[in-house]
PDB file of N, CA and C in Angstrom:
ATOM      1  N   UNK A   1      53.118 108.804  49.275  1.00  0.00           N
ATOM      2  CA  UNK A   1      53.808 107.316  49.818  1.00  0.00           C
ATOM      3  C   UNK A   1      52.413 106.921  50.588  1.00  0.00           C
ATOM      4  N   UNK A   2      52.367 106.635  51.480  1.00  0.00           N
ATOM      5  CA  UNK A   2      51.024 106.543  52.445  1.00  0.00           C
ATOM      6  C   UNK A   2      49.649 106.907  51.214  1.00  0.00           C
ATOM      7  N   UNK A   3      49.611 107.349  50.622  1.00  0.00           N
ATOM      8  CA  UNK A   3      48.136 107.497  49.841  1.00  0.00           C
ATOM      9  C   UNK A   3      47.987 106.483  48.683  1.00  0.00           C
ATOM     10  N   UNK A   4      48.828 106.392  48.349  1.00  0.00           N
ATOM     11  CA  UNK A   4      49.314 104.956  47.024  1.00  0.00           C
ATOM     12  C   UNK A   4      48.726 103.738  47.971  1.00  0.00           C
ATOM     13  N   UNK A   5      49.133 103.892  49.316  1.00  0.00           N
ATOM     14  CA  UNK A   5      49.103 102.493  49.991  1.00  0.00           C
ATOM     15  C   UNK A   5      47.892 102.334  50.641  1.00  0.00           C
ATOM     16  N   UNK A   6      47.404 103.385  50.918  1.00  0.00           N
ATOM     17  CA  UNK A   6      46.065 103.270  51.184  1.00  0.00           C
ATOM     18  C   UNK A   6      45.125 103.363  50.051  1.00  0.00           C
ATOM     19  N   UNK A   7      45.571 103.491  49.515  1.00  0.00           N
ATOM     20  CA  UNK A   7      44.615 103.135  47.732  1.00  0.00           C
ATOM     21  C   UNK A   7      44.883 101.612  47.292  1.00  0.00           C
ATOM     22  N   UNK A   8      45.864 100.845  47.398  1.00  0.00           N
ATOM     23  CA  UNK A   8      45.940  99.742  47.183  1.00  0.00           C
ATOM     24  C   UNK A   8      45.660  99.139  48.320  1.00  0.00           C
ATOM     25  N   UNK A   9      45.426  99.073  49.109  1.00  0.00           N
ATOM     26  CA  UNK A   9      44.560  98.715  50.575  1.00  0.00           C
ATOM     27  C   UNK A   9      43.389  98.448  50.015  1.00  0.00           C
ATOM     28  N   UNK A  10      42.829  99.664  49.545  1.00  0.00           N
ATOM     29  CA  UNK A  10      41.401  99.866  49.467  1.00  0.00           C
ATOM     30  C   UNK A  10      40.604  99.129  48.423  1.00  0.00           C
ATOM     31  N   UNK A  11      41.360  99.004  47.559  1.00  0.00           N
ATOM     32  CA  UNK A  11      41.409  98.556  45.877  1.00  0.00           C
ATOM     33  C   UNK A  11      41.332  96.450  46.474  1.00  0.00           C
ATOM     34  N   UNK A  12      42.308  96.342  47.222  1.00  0.00           N
ATOM     35  CA  UNK A  12      42.233  94.825  47.565  1.00  0.00           C
ATOM     36  C   UNK A  12      41.091  94.562  48.887  1.00  0.00           C
ATOM     37  N   UNK A  13      41.074  95.820  49.641  1.00  0.00           N
ATOM     38  CA  UNK A  13      39.165  94.988  50.679  1.00  0.00           C
ATOM     39  C   UNK A  13      38.176  95.173  49.662  1.00  0.00           C
ATOM     40  N   UNK A  14      38.137  96.025  48.688  1.00  0.00           N
ATOM     41  CA  UNK A  14      36.939  95.817  48.018  1.00  0.00           C
ATOM     42  C   UNK A  14      36.661  94.902  46.953  1.00  0.00           C
ATOM     43  N   UNK A  15      37.811  94.616  46.402  1.00  0.00           N
ATOM     44  CA  UNK A  15      37.961  93.067  45.533  1.00  0.00           C
ATOM     45  C   UNK A  15      37.741  91.784  46.543  1.00  0.00           C
ATOM     46  N   UNK A  16      38.003  92.002  47.561  1.00  0.00           N
ATOM     47  CA  UNK A  16      37.631  90.948  48.926  1.00  0.00           C
ATOM     48  C   UNK A  16      36.191  90.811  49.200  1.00  0.00           C
ATOM     49  N   UNK A  17      35.539  91.835  49.181  1.00  0.00           N
ATOM     50  CA  UNK A  17      34.209  92.091  49.461  1.00  0.00           C
ATOM     51  C   UNK A  17      33.404  91.469  48.570  1.00  0.00           C
ATOM     52  N   UNK A  18      33.960  91.919  47.215  1.00  0.00           N
ATOM     53  CA  UNK A  18      33.183  91.663  46.006  1.00  0.00           C
ATOM     54  C   UNK A  18      33.102  90.111  45.825  1.00  0.00           C
ATOM     55  N   UNK A  19      34.304  89.419  46.050  1.00  0.00           N
ATOM     56  CA  UNK A  19      34.103  87.448  45.631  1.00  0.00           C
ATOM     57  C   UNK A  19      32.825  87.107  46.486  1.00  0.00           C
ATOM     58  N   UNK A  20      32.435  87.132  47.344  1.00  0.00           N
ATOM     59  CA  UNK A  20      30.652  86.788  48.034  1.00  0.00           C
ATOM     60  C   UNK A  20      29.753  87.134  47.086  1.00  0.00           C
ATOM     61  N   UNK A  21      30.165  88.189  46.759  1.00  0.00           N
ATOM     62  CA  UNK A  21      28.436  89.014  45.819  1.00  0.00           C
ATOM     63  C   UNK A  21      29.002  87.964  44.297  1.00  0.00           C
ATOM     64  N   UNK A  22      29.956  88.002  43.881  1.00  0.00           N
ATOM     65  CA  UNK A  22      30.149  86.858  42.236  1.00  0.00           C
ATOM     66  C   UNK A  22      29.686  85.578  42.780  1.00  0.00           C
ATOM     67  N   UNK A  23      30.244  85.224  44.354  1.00  0.00           N
ATOM     68  CA  UNK A  23      29.525  83.694  43.881  1.00  0.00           C
ATOM     69  C   UNK A  23      28.018  83.853  44.151  1.00  0.00           C
ATOM     70  N   UNK A  24      27.535  84.283  44.461  1.00  0.00           N
ATOM     71  CA  UNK A  24      25.828  84.766  45.029  1.00  0.00           C
ATOM     72  C   UNK A  24      25.410  85.191  43.488  1.00  0.00           C
ATOM     73  N   UNK A  25      26.402  85.999  42.825  1.00  0.00           N
ATOM     74  CA  UNK A  25      25.470  86.010  41.496  1.00  0.00           C
ATOM     75  C   UNK A  25      25.261  84.753  40.611  1.00  0.00           C
ATOM     76  N   UNK A  26      26.588  84.201  40.641  1.00  0.00           N
ATOM     77  CA  UNK A  26      27.191  82.735  39.935  1.00  0.00           C
ATOM     78  C   UNK A  26      25.835  81.792  40.077  1.00  0.00           C
ATOM     79  N   UNK A  27      26.058  81.198  41.620  1.00  0.00           N
ATOM     80  CA  UNK A  27      25.513  80.386  42.298  1.00  0.00           C
ATOM     81  C   UNK A  27      24.165  80.164  42.693  1.00  0.00           C
ATOM     82  N   UNK A  28      23.702  81.414  43.503  1.00  0.00           N
ATOM     83  CA  UNK A  28      22.817  81.306  44.207  1.00  0.00           C
ATOM     84  C   UNK A  28      21.085  82.029  43.295  1.00  0.00           C
ATOM     85  N   UNK A  29      21.853  82.755  42.493  1.00  0.00           N
ATOM     86  CA  UNK A  29      20.878  83.648  42.191  1.00  0.00           C
ATOM     87  C   UNK A  29      20.257  83.088  41.188  1.00  0.00           C
ATOM     88  N   UNK A  30      20.744  82.455  40.433  1.00  0.00           N
ATOM     89  CA  UNK A  30      20.346  81.904  39.100  1.00  0.00           C
ATOM     90  C   UNK A  30      19.303  80.639  39.813  1.00  0.00           C
ATOM     91  N   UNK A  31      18.743  80.026  40.892  1.00  0.00           N
ATOM     92  CA  UNK A  31      18.546  79.089  41.806  1.00  0.00           C
ATOM     93  C   UNK A  31      17.095  79.966  42.152  1.00  0.00           C
ATOM     94  N   UNK A  32      17.387  81.128  42.279  1.00  0.00           N
ATOM     95  CA  UNK A  32      15.758  81.886  42.936  1.00  0.00           C
ATOM     96  C   UNK A  32      14.905  82.527  41.743  1.00  0.00           C
ATOM     97  N   UNK A  33      13.801  82.928  41.635  1.00  0.00           N
ATOM     98  CA  UNK A  33      13.150  83.667  41.061  1.00  0.00           C
ATOM     99  C   UNK A  33      13.244  84.815  40.604  1.00  0.00           C
ATOM    100  N   UNK A  34      13.528  86.236  39.785  1.00  0.00           N
ATOM    101  CA  UNK A  34      14.083  87.886  39.947  1.00  0.00           C
ATOM    102  C   UNK A  34      13.186  88.095  41.068  1.00  0.00           C
ATOM    103  N   UNK A  35      13.837  88.971  42.328  1.00  0.00           N
ATOM    104  CA  UNK A  35      12.567  89.491  42.597  1.00  0.00           C
ATOM    105  C   UNK A  35      13.142  90.832  42.637  1.00  0.00           C
ATOM    106  N   UNK A  36      14.243  91.681  42.831  1.00  0.00           N
ATOM    107  CA  UNK A  36      14.874  92.603  42.919  1.00  0.00           C
ATOM    108  C   UNK A  36      14.074  94.051  42.048  1.00  0.00           C
ATOM    109  N   UNK A  37      14.139  94.820  43.061  1.00  0.00           N
ATOM    110  CA  UNK A  37      12.956  96.190  42.545  1.00  0.00           C
ATOM    111  C   UNK A  37      13.467  97.154  41.697  1.00  0.00           C
ATOM    112  N   UNK A  38      14.849  96.964  41.758  1.00  0.00           N
ATOM    113  CA  UNK A  38      15.773  97.856  41.242  1.00  0.00           C
ATOM    114  C   UNK A  38      16.830  97.675  39.612  1.00  0.00           C
ATOM    115  N   UNK A  39      16.939  98.444  39.228  1.00  0.00           N
ATOM    116  CA  UNK A  39      18.018  98.151  37.853  1.00  0.00           C
ATOM    117  C   UNK A  39      19.024  99.200  38.542  1.00  0.00           C
ATOM    118  N   UNK A  40      20.258  98.856  38.249  1.00  0.00           N
ATOM    119  CA  UNK A  40      20.662  97.306  38.395  1.00  0.00           C
ATOM    120  C   UNK A  40      20.410  96.729  39.497  1.00  0.00           C
ATOM    121  N   UNK A  41      20.222  95.314  39.027  1.00  0.00           N
ATOM    122  CA  UNK A  41      19.751  94.591  40.724  1.00  0.00           C
ATOM    123  C   UNK A  41      20.483  95.103  41.963  1.00  0.00           C
ATOM    124  N   UNK A  42      20.807  94.433  42.861  1.00  0.00           N
ATOM    125  CA  UNK A  42      21.644  94.690  44.418  1.00  0.00           C
ATOM    126  C   UNK A  42      22.805  94.618  44.151  1.00  0.00           C
ATOM    127  N   UNK A  43      22.423  93.303  43.920  1.00  0.00           N
ATOM    128  CA  UNK A  43      24.379  92.709  43.826  1.00  0.00           C
ATOM    129  C   UNK A  43      25.194  93.157  42.710  1.00  0.00           C
ATOM    130  N   UNK A  44      24.401  93.525  41.640  1.00  0.00           N
ATOM    131  CA  UNK A  44      25.500  94.445  40.739  1.00  0.00           C
ATOM    132  C   UNK A  44      25.773  95.779  41.276  1.00  0.00           C
ATOM    133  N   UNK A  45      24.656  96.748  41.731  1.00  0.00           N
ATOM    134  CA  UNK A  45      24.907  98.163  42.158  1.00  0.00           C
ATOM    135  C   UNK A  45      25.950  97.755  43.232  1.00  0.00           C
ATOM    136  N   UNK A  46      26.071  96.599  43.697  1.00  0.00           N
ATOM    137  CA  UNK A  46      27.444  96.470  44.973  1.00  0.00           C
ATOM    138  C   UNK A  46      28.500  96.734  44.656  1.00  0.00           C
ATOM    139  N   UNK A  47      28.327  95.829  43.716  1.00  0.00           N
ATOM    140  CA  UNK A  47      29.588  95.463  42.895  1.00  0.00           C
ATOM    141  C   UNK A  47      29.980  96.580  42.172  1.00  0.00           C
ATOM    142  N   UNK A  48      29.291  97.261  41.604  1.00  0.00           N
ATOM    143  CA  UNK A  48      29.390  99.076  40.768  1.00  0.00           C
ATOM    144  C   UNK A  48      29.815 100.278  42.316  1.00  0.00           C
ATOM    145  N   UNK A  49      29.112 100.276  43.254  1.00  0.00           N
ATOM    146  CA  UNK A  49      29.292 100.773  44.478  1.00  0.00           C
ATOM    147  C   UNK A  49      30.863 100.089  44.908  1.00  0.00           C
ATOM    148  N   UNK A  50      31.161  99.169  45.470  1.00  0.00           N
ATOM    149  CA  UNK A  50      32.480  99.224  46.281  1.00  0.00           C
ATOM    150  C   UNK A  50      33.713  99.674  44.976  1.00  0.00           C
ATOM    151  N   UNK A  51      33.159  98.924  44.009  1.00  0.00           N
ATOM    152  CA  UNK A  51      34.769  99.546  42.483  1.00  0.00           C
ATOM    153  C   UNK A  51      34.732 101.122  42.871  1.00  0.00           C
ATOM    154  N   UNK A  52      33.262 101.913  42.977  1.00  0.00           N
ATOM    155  CA  UNK A  52      33.727 102.972  42.276  1.00  0.00           C
ATOM    156  C   UNK A  52      34.008 104.468  43.630  1.00  0.00           C
ATOM    157  N   UNK A  53      33.728 103.706  45.019  1.00  0.00           N
ATOM    158  CA  UNK A  53      33.635 104.416  46.022  1.00  0.00           C
ATOM    159  C   UNK A  53      34.761 103.734  46.881  1.00  0.00           C
ATOM    160  N   UNK A  54      34.969 102.669  46.263  1.00  0.00           N
ATOM    161  CA  UNK A  54      35.901 101.652  47.778  1.00  0.00           C
ATOM    162  C   UNK A  54      35.472 100.970  48.478  1.00  0.00           C
ATOM    163  N   UNK A  55      36.149 100.709  49.655  1.00  0.00           N
ATOM    164  CA  UNK A  55      35.473  99.818  50.771  1.00  0.00           C
ATOM    165  C   UNK A  55      33.953  99.909  51.715  1.00  0.00           C
ATOM    166  N   UNK A  56      34.498 101.425  52.006  1.00  0.00           N
ATOM    167  CA  UNK A  56      33.585 101.731  52.937  1.00  0.00           C
ATOM    168  C   UNK A  56      32.729 102.507  52.937  1.00  0.00           C
ATOM    169  N   UNK A  57      32.953 103.489  51.918  1.00  0.00           N
ATOM    170  CA  UNK A  57      31.573 104.480  51.203  1.00  0.00           C
ATOM    171  C   UNK A  57      30.914 103.131  50.519  1.00  0.00           C
ATOM    172  N   UNK A  58      31.452 102.179  49.883  1.00  0.00           N
ATOM    173  CA  UNK A  58      30.498 101.564  48.567  1.00  0.00           C
ATOM    174  C   UNK A  58      29.783 100.065  49.692  1.00  0.00           C
ATOM    175  N   UNK A  59      30.374 100.001  50.661  1.00  0.00           N
ATOM    176  CA  UNK A  59      29.548  98.751  51.583  1.00  0.00           C
ATOM    177  C   UNK A  59      28.163  99.981  52.417  1.00  0.00           C
ATOM    178  N   UNK A  60      28.241 101.096  52.620  1.00  0.00           N
ATOM    179  CA  UNK A  60      27.527 101.697  53.175  1.00  0.00           C
ATOM    180  C   UNK A  60      26.556 101.887  51.949  1.00  0.00           C
ATOM    181  N   UNK A  61      26.574 102.249  50.844  1.00  0.00           N
ATOM    182  CA  UNK A  61      25.937 102.816  49.969  1.00  0.00           C
ATOM    183  C   UNK A  61      25.076 100.638  49.427  1.00  0.00           C
ATOM    184  N   UNK A  62      25.847 100.121  49.423  1.00  0.00           N
ATOM    185  CA  UNK A  62      24.963  98.815  49.226  1.00  0.00           C
ATOM    186  C   UNK A  62      24.512  98.142  50.292  1.00  0.00           C
ATOM    187  N   UNK A  63      24.644  97.957  51.942  1.00  0.00           N
ATOM    188  CA  UNK A  63      24.188  98.013  52.760  1.00  0.00           C
ATOM    189  C   UNK A  63      22.438  98.916  52.602  1.00  0.00           C
ATOM    190  N   UNK A  64      22.291 100.523  52.715  1.00  0.00           N
ATOM    191  CA  UNK A  64      21.275 101.393  52.579  1.00  0.00           C
ATOM    192  C   UNK A  64      20.489 100.605  50.994  1.00  0.00           C
ATOM    193  N   UNK A  65      21.260  99.922  50.284  1.00  0.00           N
ATOM    194  CA  UNK A  65      20.546  99.762  48.827  1.00  0.00           C
ATOM    195  C   UNK A  65      19.405  98.642  49.221  1.00  0.00           C
ATOM    196  N   UNK A  66      20.121  98.401  50.342  1.00  0.00           N
ATOM    197  CA  UNK A  66      19.599  96.742  50.021  1.00  0.00           C
ATOM    198  C   UNK A  66      18.399  96.445  51.143  1.00  0.00           C
ATOM    199  N   UNK A  67      18.613  97.505  51.891  1.00  0.00           N
ATOM    200  CA  UNK A  67      17.658  98.000  52.863  1.00  0.00           C
ATOM    201  C   UNK A  67      16.609  98.304  52.189  1.00  0.00           C
ATOM    202  N   UNK A  68      16.434  99.315  51.428  1.00  0.00           N
ATOM    203  CA  UNK A  68      15.022  99.402  50.614  1.00  0.00           C
ATOM    204  C   UNK A  68      14.307  98.444  50.012  1.00  0.00           C
ATOM    205  N   UNK A  69      15.475  97.810  49.612  1.00  0.00           N
ATOM    206  CA  UNK A  69      14.418  96.892  48.821  1.00  0.00           C
ATOM    207  C   UNK A  69      13.369  95.588  49.481  1.00  0.00           C
ATOM    208  N   UNK A  70      12.494  96.013  49.147  1.00  0.00           N
ATOM    209  CA  UNK A  70      11.279  95.916  49.968  1.00  0.00           C
ATOM    210  C   UNK A  70      10.172  96.376  49.129  1.00  0.00           C
ATOM    211  N   UNK A  71       9.034  95.076  49.372  1.00  0.00           N
ATOM    212  CA  UNK A  71       7.878  95.640  48.766  1.00  0.00           C
ATOM    213  C   UNK A  71       7.115  97.177  49.019  1.00  0.00           C
ATOM    214  N   UNK A  72       7.810  97.961  50.315  1.00  0.00           N
ATOM    215  CA  UNK A  72       6.516  99.138  50.461  1.00  0.00           C
ATOM    216  C   UNK A  72       8.373 100.127  50.132  1.00  0.00           C
ATOM    217  N   UNK A  73       9.359  99.968  49.794  1.00  0.00           N
ATOM    218  CA  UNK A  73      10.279 100.406  49.435  1.00  0.00           C
ATOM    219  C   UNK A  73      10.326 100.979  47.547  1.00  0.00           C
ATOM    220  N   UNK A  74      11.501 101.696  47.234  1.00  0.00           N
ATOM    221  CA  UNK A  74      11.264 102.231  46.067  1.00  0.00           C
ATOM    222  C   UNK A  74      11.844 101.338  45.086  1.00  0.00           C
ATOM    223  N   UNK A  75      11.625 101.692  43.558  1.00  0.00           N
ATOM    224  CA  UNK A  75      11.748 100.772  42.513  1.00  0.00           C
ATOM    225  C   UNK A  75      11.911 101.815  41.272  1.00  0.00           C
ATOM    226  N   UNK A  76      12.637 100.847  40.635  1.00  0.00           N
ATOM    227  CA  UNK A  76      12.946 101.642  39.141  1.00  0.00           C
ATOM    228  C   UNK A  76      14.520 101.455  39.213  1.00  0.00           C
ATOM    229  N   UNK A  77      14.674 102.680  38.037  1.00  0.00           N
ATOM    230  CA  UNK A  77      16.000 103.133  37.753  1.00  0.00           C
ATOM    231  C   UNK A  77      17.032 103.716  39.389  1.00  0.00           C
ATOM    232  N   UNK A  78      17.924 102.763  39.898  1.00  0.00           N
ATOM    233  CA  UNK A  78      18.656 103.380  41.054  1.00  0.00           C
ATOM    234  C   UNK A  78      20.313 103.426  40.480  1.00  0.00           C
ATOM    235  N   UNK A  79      20.651 103.837  39.808  1.00  0.00           N
ATOM    236  CA  UNK A  79      22.332 103.905  39.832  1.00  0.00           C
ATOM    237  C   UNK A  79      23.508 103.784  40.914  1.00  0.00           C
ATOM    238  N   UNK A  80      24.417 104.092  41.387  1.00  0.00           N
ATOM    239  CA  UNK A  80      25.481 104.568  41.877  1.00  0.00           C
ATOM    240  C   UNK A  80      26.114 105.253  41.836  1.00  0.00           C
ATOM    241  N   UNK A  81      25.608 106.297  42.904  1.00  0.00           N
ATOM    242  CA  UNK A  81      25.670 107.984  42.940  1.00  0.00           C
ATOM    243  C   UNK A  81      27.392 108.082  42.640  1.00  0.00           C
TER     244      UNK A  81
END
């Protein structure tokens, strides 16, 4: 019972965290030139990480990826683990 409640709560929180990312993808990103060094883009990576790993590990992975996205960081294909 507790596991089911926690799983449902995690999915709801992950869904709420995805909303501002989708807003960014839909309304902000088209106004700026492409600059992400990775595939998938950092915002798509964040959505995939949240869906696959839930809000806690998903946010950790997304923040870690965003911190690597700079001129001296990595580049190329970097899927969600």
